[in-house]
Amino acid sequence: AGGLVETLETATFWSNVPALKAAVTTAITDA
């Protein structure tokens, strides 16, 4: 249909989960 779809994954400690999710989401969205 002309969409671009891809996945990626990572892992971290529980205390870092919110920061990691926010950083990756922002980086992909901005790019």
Full PDB file with SEQRES, HELIX, SHEET, SSBOND, CRYST1, ORIGX, SCALE, CONECT and MASTER records, all heavy atoms in Angstrom:
SEQRES   1 A   31  ALA GLY GLY LEU VAL GLU THR LEU GLU THR ALA THR PHE          
SEQRES   2 A   31  TRP SER ASN VAL PRO ALA LEU LYS ALA ALA VAL THR THR          
SEQRES   3 A   31  ALA ILE THR ASP ALA                                          
HELIX    1 AA1 TRP A   14  ASN A   16  5                                   3    
HELIX    2 AA2 VAL A   17  ASP A   30  1                                  14    
CRYST1    1.000    1.000    1.000  90.00  90.00  90.00 P 1           1          
ORIGX1      1.000000  0.000000  0.000000        0.00000                         
ORIGX2      0.000000  1.000000  0.000000        0.00000                         
ORIGX3      0.000000  0.000000  1.000000        0.00000                         
SCALE1      1.000000  0.000000  0.000000        0.00000                         
SCALE2      0.000000  1.000000  0.000000        0.00000                         
SCALE3      0.000000  0.000000  1.000000        0.00000                         
ATOM      1  N   ALA A   1       0.813  -1.221   0.000  1.00  0.00           N  
ATOM      2  CA  ALA A   1       0.000   0.000   0.000  1.00  0.00           C  
ATOM      3  C   ALA A   1       0.844   1.266   0.000  1.00  0.00           C  
ATOM      4  O   ALA A   1       0.312   2.366  -0.182  1.00  0.00           O  
ATOM      5  CB  ALA A   1      -0.938  -0.004   1.203  1.00  0.00           C  
ATOM      6  N   GLY A   2       2.155   1.128   0.218  1.00  0.00           N  
ATOM      7  CA  GLY A   2       3.016   2.303   0.271  1.00  0.00           C  
ATOM      8  C   GLY A   2       3.376   2.736   1.668  1.00  0.00           C  
ATOM      9  O   GLY A   2       3.951   3.804   1.869  1.00  0.00           O  
ATOM     10  N   GLY A   3       3.033   1.899   2.649  1.00  0.00           N  
ATOM     11  CA  GLY A   3       3.442   2.196   4.010  1.00  0.00           C  
ATOM     12  C   GLY A   3       4.851   1.700   4.275  1.00  0.00           C  
ATOM     13  O   GLY A   3       5.369   0.818   3.572  1.00  0.00           O  
ATOM     14  N   LEU A   4       5.475   2.274   5.262  1.00  0.00           N  
ATOM     15  CA  LEU A   4       6.752   1.795   5.762  1.00  0.00           C  
ATOM     16  C   LEU A   4       6.500   1.268   7.162  1.00  0.00           C  
ATOM     17  O   LEU A   4       5.994   1.999   8.023  1.00  0.00           O  
ATOM     18  CB  LEU A   4       7.784   2.920   5.809  1.00  0.00           C  
ATOM     19  CG  LEU A   4       9.172   2.535   6.350  1.00  0.00           C  
ATOM     20  CD1 LEU A   4       9.909   1.670   5.340  1.00  0.00           C  
ATOM     21  CD2 LEU A   4       9.994   3.776   6.677  1.00  0.00           C  
ATOM     22  N   VAL A   5       6.824   0.015   7.398  1.00  0.00           N  
ATOM     23  CA  VAL A   5       6.610  -0.573   8.717  1.00  0.00           C  
ATOM     24  C   VAL A   5       7.844  -1.377   9.087  1.00  0.00           C  
ATOM     25  O   VAL A   5       8.377  -2.133   8.283  1.00  0.00           O  
ATOM     26  CB  VAL A   5       5.344  -1.456   8.752  1.00  0.00           C  
ATOM     27  CG1 VAL A   5       5.396  -2.547   7.695  1.00  0.00           C  
ATOM     28  CG2 VAL A   5       5.129  -2.055  10.133  1.00  0.00           C  
ATOM     29  N   GLU A   6       8.329  -1.154  10.291  1.00  0.00           N  
ATOM     30  CA  GLU A   6       9.497  -1.874  10.770  1.00  0.00           C  
ATOM     31  C   GLU A   6       9.436  -1.960  12.288  1.00  0.00           C  
ATOM     32  O   GLU A   6       8.680  -1.222  12.941  1.00  0.00           O  
ATOM     33  CB  GLU A   6      10.778  -1.177  10.322  1.00  0.00           C  
ATOM     34  CG  GLU A   6      12.077  -1.901  10.648  1.00  0.00           C  
ATOM     35  CD  GLU A   6      12.202  -3.312  10.093  1.00  0.00           C  
ATOM     36  OE1 GLU A   6      11.348  -4.146  10.457  1.00  0.00           O  
ATOM     37  OE2 GLU A   6      13.165  -3.579   9.337  1.00  0.00           O  
ATOM     38  N   THR A   7      10.199  -2.879  12.836  1.00  0.00           N  
ATOM     39  CA  THR A   7      10.236  -3.074  14.280  1.00  0.00           C  
ATOM     40  C   THR A   7      11.672  -2.985  14.776  1.00  0.00           C  
ATOM     41  O   THR A   7      12.623  -3.185  14.013  1.00  0.00           O  
ATOM     42  CB  THR A   7       9.656  -4.439  14.679  1.00  0.00           C  
ATOM     43  OG1 THR A   7      10.461  -5.482  14.100  1.00  0.00           O  
ATOM     44  CG2 THR A   7       8.214  -4.587  14.200  1.00  0.00           C  
ATOM     45  N   LEU A   8      11.817  -2.698  16.036  1.00  0.00           N  
ATOM     46  CA  LEU A   8      13.112  -2.764  16.705  1.00  0.00           C  
ATOM     47  C   LEU A   8      12.860  -3.008  18.179  1.00  0.00           C  
ATOM     48  O   LEU A   8      11.751  -2.776  18.680  1.00  0.00           O  
ATOM     49  CB  LEU A   8      13.928  -1.486  16.482  1.00  0.00           C  
ATOM     50  CG  LEU A   8      13.303  -0.160  16.933  1.00  0.00           C  
ATOM     51  CD1 LEU A   8      13.768   0.206  18.343  1.00  0.00           C  
ATOM     52  CD2 LEU A   8      13.679   0.950  15.970  1.00  0.00           C  
ATOM     53  N   GLU A   9      13.874  -3.502  18.867  1.00  0.00           N  
ATOM     54  CA  GLU A   9      13.671  -3.839  20.276  1.00  0.00           C  
ATOM     55  C   GLU A   9      14.942  -3.597  21.061  1.00  0.00           C  
ATOM     56  O   GLU A   9      16.033  -3.473  20.504  1.00  0.00           O  
ATOM     57  CB  GLU A   9      13.169  -5.279  20.431  1.00  0.00           C  
ATOM     58  CG  GLU A   9      13.869  -6.308  19.554  1.00  0.00           C  
ATOM     59  CD  GLU A   9      15.273  -6.621  20.000  1.00  0.00           C  
ATOM     60  OE1 GLU A   9      15.486  -6.751  21.218  1.00  0.00           O  
ATOM     61  OE2 GLU A   9      16.168  -6.738  19.155  1.00  0.00           O  
ATOM     62  N   THR A  10      14.801  -3.536  22.367  1.00  0.00           N  
ATOM     63  CA  THR A  10      15.902  -3.268  23.266  1.00  0.00           C  
ATOM     64  C   THR A  10      15.504  -3.796  24.637  1.00  0.00           C  
ATOM     65  O   THR A  10      14.424  -4.376  24.800  1.00  0.00           O  
ATOM     66  CB  THR A  10      16.211  -1.755  23.313  1.00  0.00           C  
ATOM     67  OG1 THR A  10      17.243  -1.489  24.267  1.00  0.00           O  
ATOM     68  CG2 THR A  10      14.983  -0.952  23.717  1.00  0.00           C  
ATOM     69  N   ALA A  11      16.374  -3.624  25.623  1.00  0.00           N  
ATOM     70  CA  ALA A  11      16.051  -4.035  26.995  1.00  0.00           C  
ATOM     71  C   ALA A  11      16.836  -3.186  27.967  1.00  0.00           C  
ATOM     72  O   ALA A  11      17.924  -2.689  27.651  1.00  0.00           O  
ATOM     73  CB  ALA A  11      16.376  -5.521  27.199  1.00  0.00           C  
ATOM     74  N   THR A  12      16.277  -3.043  29.160  1.00  0.00           N  
ATOM     75  CA  THR A  12      16.937  -2.237  30.180  1.00  0.00           C  
ATOM     76  C   THR A  12      16.425  -2.641  31.555  1.00  0.00           C  
ATOM     77  O   THR A  12      15.542  -3.508  31.677  1.00  0.00           O  
ATOM     78  CB  THR A  12      16.693  -0.735  29.930  1.00  0.00           C  
ATOM     79  OG1 THR A  12      17.574   0.039  30.733  1.00  0.00           O  
ATOM     80  CG2 THR A  12      15.249  -0.344  30.225  1.00  0.00           C  
ATOM     81  N   PHE A  13      16.963  -2.010  32.593  1.00  0.00           N  
ATOM     82  CA  PHE A  13      16.494  -2.250  33.955  1.00  0.00           C  
ATOM     83  C   PHE A  13      15.186  -1.495  34.189  1.00  0.00           C  
ATOM     84  O   PHE A  13      14.893  -0.497  33.528  1.00  0.00           O  
ATOM     85  CB  PHE A  13      17.565  -1.828  34.957  1.00  0.00           C  
ATOM     86  CG  PHE A  13      18.829  -2.631  34.833  1.00  0.00           C  
ATOM     87  CD1 PHE A  13      19.968  -2.096  34.238  1.00  0.00           C  
ATOM     88  CD2 PHE A  13      18.878  -3.936  35.289  1.00  0.00           C  
ATOM     89  CE1 PHE A  13      21.129  -2.853  34.105  1.00  0.00           C  
ATOM     90  CE2 PHE A  13      20.034  -4.702  35.166  1.00  0.00           C  
ATOM     91  CZ  PHE A  13      21.162  -4.158  34.573  1.00  0.00           C  
ATOM     92  N   TRP A  14      14.399  -1.989  35.140  1.00  0.00           N  
ATOM     93  CA  TRP A  14      13.069  -1.418  35.371  1.00  0.00           C  
ATOM     94  C   TRP A  14      13.123   0.088  35.621  1.00  0.00           C  
ATOM     95  O   TRP A  14      12.284   0.839  35.116  1.00  0.00           O  
ATOM     96  CB  TRP A  14      12.394  -2.102  36.565  1.00  0.00           C  
ATOM     97  CG  TRP A  14      11.825  -3.460  36.270  1.00  0.00           C  
ATOM     98  CD1 TRP A  14      12.253  -4.659  36.763  1.00  0.00           C  
ATOM     99  CD2 TRP A  14      10.718  -3.764  35.408  1.00  0.00           C  
ATOM    100  NE1 TRP A  14      11.488  -5.689  36.257  1.00  0.00           N  
ATOM    101  CE2 TRP A  14      10.534  -5.165  35.425  1.00  0.00           C  
ATOM    102  CE3 TRP A  14       9.870  -2.994  34.621  1.00  0.00           C  
ATOM    103  CZ2 TRP A  14       9.537  -5.808  34.706  1.00  0.00           C  
ATOM    104  CZ3 TRP A  14       8.871  -3.626  33.895  1.00  0.00           C  
ATOM    105  CH2 TRP A  14       8.714  -5.013  33.935  1.00  0.00           C  
ATOM    106  N   SER A  15      14.119   0.528  36.366  1.00  0.00           N  
ATOM    107  CA  SER A  15      14.181   1.953  36.704  1.00  0.00           C  
ATOM    108  C   SER A  15      14.418   2.835  35.493  1.00  0.00           C  
ATOM    109  O   SER A  15      14.138   4.034  35.519  1.00  0.00           O  
ATOM    110  CB  SER A  15      15.284   2.196  37.735  1.00  0.00           C  
ATOM    111  OG  SER A  15      16.543   1.755  37.239  1.00  0.00           O  
ATOM    112  N   ASN A  16      14.889   2.232  34.397  1.00  0.00           N  
ATOM    113  CA  ASN A  16      15.213   3.001  33.190  1.00  0.00           C  
ATOM    114  C   ASN A  16      14.163   2.855  32.097  1.00  0.00           C  
ATOM    115  O   ASN A  16      14.278   3.484  31.040  1.00  0.00           O  
ATOM    116  CB  ASN A  16      16.579   2.544  32.658  1.00  0.00           C  
ATOM    117  CG  ASN A  16      17.167   3.501  31.632  1.00  0.00           C  
ATOM    118  OD1 ASN A  16      17.101   4.717  31.780  1.00  0.00           O  
ATOM    119  ND2 ASN A  16      17.744   2.936  30.573  1.00  0.00           N  
ATOM    120  N   VAL A  17      13.147   2.036  32.329  1.00  0.00           N  
ATOM    121  CA  VAL A  17      12.148   1.785  31.277  1.00  0.00           C  
ATOM    122  C   VAL A  17      11.459   3.066  30.799  1.00  0.00           C  
ATOM    123  O   VAL A  17      11.364   3.308  29.589  1.00  0.00           O  
ATOM    124  CB  VAL A  17      11.117   0.736  31.747  1.00  0.00           C  
ATOM    125  CG1 VAL A  17       9.872   0.735  30.852  1.00  0.00           C  
ATOM    126  CG2 VAL A  17      11.747  -0.651  31.742  1.00  0.00           C  
ATOM    127  N   PRO A  18      10.950   3.934  31.680  1.00  0.00           N  
ATOM    128  CA  PRO A  18      10.270   5.142  31.174  1.00  0.00           C  
ATOM    129  C   PRO A  18      11.175   6.033  30.333  1.00  0.00           C  
ATOM    130  O   PRO A  18      10.754   6.537  29.277  1.00  0.00           O  
ATOM    131  CB  PRO A  18       9.829   5.857  32.463  1.00  0.00           C  
ATOM    132  CG  PRO A  18       9.747   4.785  33.497  1.00  0.00           C  
ATOM    133  CD  PRO A  18      10.858   3.849  33.164  1.00  0.00           C  
ATOM    134  N   ALA A  19      12.419   6.241  30.771  1.00  0.00           N  
ATOM    135  CA  ALA A  19      13.328   7.101  30.019  1.00  0.00           C  
ATOM    136  C   ALA A  19      13.674   6.493  28.674  1.00  0.00           C  
ATOM    137  O   ALA A  19      13.754   7.199  27.652  1.00  0.00           O  
ATOM    138  CB  ALA A  19      14.599   7.347  30.831  1.00  0.00           C  
ATOM    139  N   LEU A  20      13.881   5.189  28.638  1.00  0.00           N  
ATOM    140  CA  LEU A  20      14.210   4.514  27.380  1.00  0.00           C  
ATOM    141  C   LEU A  20      13.050   4.603  26.398  1.00  0.00           C  
ATOM    142  O   LEU A  20      13.245   4.934  25.217  1.00  0.00           O  
ATOM    143  CB  LEU A  20      14.555   3.052  27.653  1.00  0.00           C  
ATOM    144  CG  LEU A  20      14.803   2.169  26.426  1.00  0.00           C  
ATOM    145  CD1 LEU A  20      15.993   2.667  25.622  1.00  0.00           C  
ATOM    146  CD2 LEU A  20      15.015   0.709  26.862  1.00  0.00           C  
ATOM    147  N   LYS A  21      11.843   4.328  26.863  1.00  0.00           N  
ATOM    148  CA  LYS A  21      10.670   4.389  25.979  1.00  0.00           C  
ATOM    149  C   LYS A  21      10.501   5.794  25.411  1.00  0.00           C  
ATOM    150  O   LYS A  21      10.273   5.969  24.200  1.00  0.00           O  
ATOM    151  CB  LYS A  21       9.409   3.976  26.732  1.00  0.00           C  
ATOM    152  CG  LYS A  21       8.143   3.973  25.876  1.00  0.00           C  
ATOM    153  CD  LYS A  21       6.963   3.473  26.684  1.00  0.00           C  
ATOM    154  CE  LYS A  21       5.716   3.350  25.803  1.00  0.00           C  
ATOM    155  NZ  LYS A  21       5.196   4.645  25.346  1.00  0.00           N  
ATOM    156  N   ALA A  22      10.635   6.794  26.250  1.00  0.00           N  
ATOM    157  CA  ALA A  22      10.461   8.176  25.792  1.00  0.00           C  
ATOM    158  C   ALA A  22      11.552   8.572  24.795  1.00  0.00           C  
ATOM    159  O   ALA A  22      11.277   9.208  23.771  1.00  0.00           O  
ATOM    160  CB  ALA A  22      10.475   9.116  26.996  1.00  0.00           C  
ATOM    161  N   ALA A  23      12.786   8.173  25.080  1.00  0.00           N  
ATOM    162  CA  ALA A  23      13.898   8.562  24.211  1.00  0.00           C  
ATOM    163  C   ALA A  23      13.781   7.943  22.822  1.00  0.00           C  
ATOM    164  O   ALA A  23      13.983   8.627  21.806  1.00  0.00           O  
ATOM    165  CB  ALA A  23      15.225   8.163  24.853  1.00  0.00           C  
ATOM    166  N   VAL A  24      13.455   6.655  22.775  1.00  0.00           N  
ATOM    167  CA  VAL A  24      13.360   5.987  21.479  1.00  0.00           C  
ATOM    168  C   VAL A  24      12.157   6.502  20.689  1.00  0.00           C  
ATOM    169  O   VAL A  24      12.251   6.763  19.484  1.00  0.00           O  
ATOM    170  CB  VAL A  24      13.287   4.458  21.668  1.00  0.00           C  
ATOM    171  CG1 VAL A  24      13.023   3.766  20.330  1.00  0.00           C  
ATOM    172  CG2 VAL A  24      14.579   3.934  22.279  1.00  0.00           C  
ATOM    173  N   THR A  25      11.027   6.655  21.350  1.00  0.00           N  
ATOM    174  CA  THR A  25       9.835   7.162  20.670  1.00  0.00           C  
ATOM    175  C   THR A  25      10.088   8.551  20.089  1.00  0.00           C  
ATOM    176  O   THR A  25       9.743   8.829  18.930  1.00  0.00           O  
ATOM    177  CB  THR A  25       8.645   7.213  21.648  1.00  0.00           C  
ATOM    178  OG1 THR A  25       8.394   5.898  22.158  1.00  0.00           O  
ATOM    179  CG2 THR A  25       7.392   7.726  20.948  1.00  0.00           C  
ATOM    180  N   THR A  26      10.708   9.425  20.870  1.00  0.00           N  
ATOM    181  CA  THR A  26      11.005  10.780  20.391  1.00  0.00           C  
ATOM    182  C   THR A  26      12.001  10.762  19.249  1.00  0.00           C  
ATOM    183  O   THR A  26      11.834  11.482  18.245  1.00  0.00           O  
ATOM    184  CB  THR A  26      11.557  11.634  21.549  1.00  0.00           C  
ATOM    185  OG1 THR A  26      10.561  11.736  22.571  1.00  0.00           O  
ATOM    186  CG2 THR A  26      11.929  13.030  21.073  1.00  0.00           C  
ATOM    187  N   ALA A  27      13.032   9.947  19.357  1.00  0.00           N  
ATOM    188  CA  ALA A  27      14.055   9.893  18.308  1.00  0.00           C  
ATOM    189  C   ALA A  27      13.473   9.441  16.981  1.00  0.00           C  
ATOM    190  O   ALA A  27      13.742  10.036  15.923  1.00  0.00           O  
ATOM    191  CB  ALA A  27      15.185   8.961  18.736  1.00  0.00           C  
ATOM    192  N   ILE A  28      12.654   8.387  17.010  1.00  0.00           N  
ATOM    193  CA  ILE A  28      12.046   7.881  15.771  1.00  0.00           C  
ATOM    194  C   ILE A  28      11.064   8.894  15.210  1.00  0.00           C  
ATOM    195  O   ILE A  28      11.057   9.170  14.000  1.00  0.00           O  
ATOM    196  CB  ILE A  28      11.341   6.541  16.041  1.00  0.00           C  
ATOM    197  CG1 ILE A  28      12.357   5.461  16.418  1.00  0.00           C  
ATOM    198  CG2 ILE A  28      10.543   6.100  14.822  1.00  0.00           C  
ATOM    199  CD1 ILE A  28      11.725   4.175  16.913  1.00  0.00           C  
ATOM    200  N   THR A  29      10.236   9.451  16.072  1.00  0.00           N  
ATOM    201  CA  THR A  29       9.231  10.417  15.621  1.00  0.00           C  
ATOM    202  C   THR A  29       9.894  11.628  14.974  1.00  0.00           C  
ATOM    203  O   THR A  29       9.498  12.056  13.876  1.00  0.00           O  
ATOM    204  CB  THR A  29       8.358  10.855  16.797  1.00  0.00           C  
ATOM    205  OG1 THR A  29       7.703   9.707  17.357  1.00  0.00           O  
ATOM    206  CG2 THR A  29       7.303  11.858  16.357  1.00  0.00           C  
ATOM    207  N   ASP A  30      10.911  12.181  15.622  1.00  0.00           N  
ATOM    208  CA  ASP A  30      11.584  13.358  15.078  1.00  0.00           C  
ATOM    209  C   ASP A  30      12.288  13.041  13.758  1.00  0.00           C  
ATOM    210  O   ASP A  30      12.253  13.840  12.808  1.00  0.00           O  
ATOM    211  CB  ASP A  30      12.599  13.897  16.087  1.00  0.00           C  
ATOM    212  CG  ASP A  30      11.940  14.549  17.299  1.00  0.00           C  
ATOM    213  OD1 ASP A  30      10.708  14.751  17.270  1.00  0.00           O  
ATOM    214  OD2 ASP A  30      12.659  14.840  18.274  1.00  0.00           O  
ATOM    215  N   ALA A  31      12.933  11.880  13.681  1.00  0.00           N  
ATOM    216  CA  ALA A  31      13.673  11.529  12.467  1.00  0.00           C  
ATOM    217  C   ALA A  31      12.745  11.368  11.270  1.00  0.00           C  
ATOM    218  O   ALA A  31      13.071  11.802  10.155  1.00  0.00           O  
ATOM    219  CB  ALA A  31      14.471  10.253  12.692  1.00  0.00           C  
TER     220      ALA A  31                                                      
MASTER        0    0    0    2    0    0    0    6  219    1    0    3          
END                                                                             
